[in-house]
N, C-alpha and C. Protein backbone atom coordinates (compact mmCIF):
# COMPACT_ATOMS: atom_id res chain seq x y z
N MET A 1 0.86 -1.14 0.18
CA MET A 1 -0.14 0.38 -0.01
C MET A 1 0.85 0.92 0.14
N ASN A 2 2.08 1.03 -0.30
CA ASN A 2 3.16 2.26 0.15
C ASN A 2 2.81 3.23 -1.31
N ASP A 3 2.81 4.81 -1.34
CA ASP A 3 2.28 5.35 -2.03
C ASP A 3 1.01 5.44 -2.77
N LYS A 4 -0.10 5.09 -2.24
CA LYS A 4 -1.75 4.92 -2.17
C LYS A 4 -2.16 6.60 -1.08
N VAL A 5 -2.61 6.42 -2.05
CA VAL A 5 -4.09 7.20 -1.23
C VAL A 5 -5.36 6.88 -0.87
N VAL A 6 -5.97 6.85 0.19
CA VAL A 6 -7.38 6.21 0.08
C VAL A 6 -7.85 7.41 0.72
N LEU A 7 -9.13 7.31 0.58
CA LEU A 7 -10.74 8.18 1.19
C LEU A 7 -11.36 7.98 2.12
N ILE A 8 -11.50 7.28 3.09
CA ILE A 8 -12.67 6.57 3.92
C ILE A 8 -13.58 7.98 4.48
N THR A 9 -14.82 7.05 4.21
CA THR A 9 -16.00 8.62 4.40
C THR A 9 -16.22 7.76 5.85
N ASP A 10 -16.57 8.87 7.05
CA ASP A 10 -16.56 8.07 7.97
C ASP A 10 -15.75 7.31 9.01
N GLY A 11 -14.44 7.52 8.74
CA GLY A 11 -14.13 6.86 9.40
C GLY A 11 -13.30 6.80 10.43
N ASN A 12 -14.41 7.75 11.24
CA ASN A 12 -13.85 7.81 12.49
C ASN A 12 -14.66 7.27 13.64
N SER A 13 -15.06 6.09 13.09
CA SER A 13 -16.01 4.81 13.93
C SER A 13 -16.40 3.95 13.26
N GLY A 14 -16.66 2.33 13.97
CA GLY A 14 -16.96 1.36 13.34
C GLY A 14 -15.93 0.78 12.07
N ILE A 15 -16.88 0.62 11.04
CA ILE A 15 -15.81 -0.32 10.57
C ILE A 15 -14.47 0.58 9.25
N GLY A 16 -15.46 2.02 9.15
CA GLY A 16 -14.37 2.91 8.75
C GLY A 16 -13.03 3.08 9.54
N GLN A 17 -13.12 2.85 10.30
CA GLN A 17 -12.02 3.56 12.08
C GLN A 17 -11.17 2.12 11.22
N VAL A 18 -11.74 1.06 11.77
CA VAL A 18 -10.78 -0.22 11.32
C VAL A 18 -10.35 -0.28 10.07
N THR A 19 -11.02 0.01 9.06
CA THR A 19 -10.07 -0.27 7.59
C THR A 19 -9.06 1.21 7.45
N SER A 20 -9.30 2.19 8.16
CA SER A 20 -8.15 3.19 8.02
C SER A 20 -7.43 3.18 9.03
N MET A 21 -7.51 2.63 10.08
CA MET A 21 -6.44 1.72 11.29
C MET A 21 -5.29 1.06 10.37
N ASP A 22 -5.94 -0.15 9.51
CA ASP A 22 -5.88 -1.48 8.68
C ASP A 22 -4.95 -1.29 7.90
N LEU A 23 -4.77 0.41 7.38
CA LEU A 23 -4.34 0.33 5.68
C LEU A 23 -3.69 1.17 6.63
N ALA A 24 -3.75 2.02 6.98
CA ALA A 24 -2.47 3.28 7.45
C ALA A 24 -1.31 2.28 7.84
N LYS A 25 -1.47 1.08 8.56
CA LYS A 25 -0.74 0.54 9.06
C LYS A 25 0.10 -0.34 8.01
N ARG A 26 -0.30 -0.60 7.03
CA ARG A 26 0.16 -1.35 5.42
C ARG A 26 0.31 -0.15 5.33
N GLY A 27 1.02 1.24 5.28
CA GLY A 27 1.71 2.26 4.79
C GLY A 27 0.62 3.08 3.72
N ALA A 28 -0.16 3.12 3.80
CA ALA A 28 -0.91 3.80 2.75
C ALA A 28 -1.62 5.23 3.49
N LYS A 29 -1.31 6.33 3.10
CA LYS A 29 -1.66 7.32 3.28
C LYS A 29 -3.46 8.07 3.17
N VAL A 30 -3.86 8.19 4.92
CA VAL A 30 -5.25 7.78 4.73
C VAL A 30 -5.87 8.99 4.71
N VAL A 31 -7.06 9.63 4.51
CA VAL A 31 -7.42 10.94 4.47
C VAL A 31 -9.24 10.18 4.58
N LEU A 32 -9.71 11.12 6.16
CA LEU A 32 -10.75 10.14 6.34
C LEU A 32 -11.92 11.95 6.33
N ALA A 33 -12.56 10.81 5.69
CA ALA A 33 -13.85 12.47 5.59
C ALA A 33 -15.28 11.71 6.85
N CYS A 34 -15.50 13.22 7.16
CA CYS A 34 -16.08 12.99 8.80
C CYS A 34 -16.84 14.28 9.06
N LEU A 35 -17.81 13.96 9.83
CA LEU A 35 -19.61 15.24 9.82
C LEU A 35 -18.02 16.39 11.18
N ASP A 36 -18.15 15.31 12.12
CA ASP A 36 -17.10 15.67 13.32
C ASP A 36 -16.09 15.98 13.96
N SER A 37 -15.28 16.46 13.47
CA SER A 37 -14.23 17.10 13.54
C SER A 37 -13.78 16.37 15.42
N GLU A 38 -14.30 16.61 16.14
CA GLU A 38 -14.15 16.58 17.99
C GLU A 38 -14.35 15.34 17.51
N LYS A 39 -15.39 13.79 17.06
CA LYS A 39 -15.17 12.76 17.27
C LYS A 39 -14.34 12.07 16.62
N THR A 40 -13.65 13.09 15.73
CA THR A 40 -12.44 12.19 15.37
C THR A 40 -11.39 12.74 16.02
N LYS A 41 -11.14 13.44 16.57
CA LYS A 41 -10.42 13.76 17.14
C LYS A 41 -9.91 12.54 18.68
N ALA A 42 -11.01 12.09 18.89
CA ALA A 42 -11.64 11.54 20.41
C ALA A 42 -11.27 10.17 19.59
N ALA A 43 -11.24 9.60 18.70
CA ALA A 43 -11.30 8.30 18.33
C ALA A 43 -9.87 7.69 17.96
N GLY A 44 -9.30 8.29 18.31
CA GLY A 44 -8.05 7.90 18.91
C GLY A 44 -6.38 8.92 18.42
N PRO A 45 -5.51 8.20 19.15
CA PRO A 45 -4.43 8.50 18.55
C PRO A 45 -3.58 9.05 17.11
N GLY A 46 -3.24 9.84 16.91
CA GLY A 46 -2.70 9.42 15.28
C GLY A 46 -3.34 10.21 14.13
N TYR A 47 -4.98 10.65 14.79
CA TYR A 47 -5.46 11.53 13.76
C TYR A 47 -5.34 12.92 13.79
N ASP A 48 -4.09 13.17 12.05
CA ASP A 48 -4.31 15.15 12.10
C ASP A 48 -5.34 15.68 11.81
N VAL A 49 -6.16 16.20 12.73
CA VAL A 49 -7.48 17.27 12.56
C VAL A 49 -7.43 18.24 12.29
């Protein structure tokens, strides 16, 4: 997944969160499209909001 950019909608919860974290671990640059930035900040460390 190196050199890949992926866009995940609602990546701050549920399956979107699990998928975004897995893809990031595999080397992808993950971009999250979320409605609530405060919820995204609270979702976990490493999110640059």
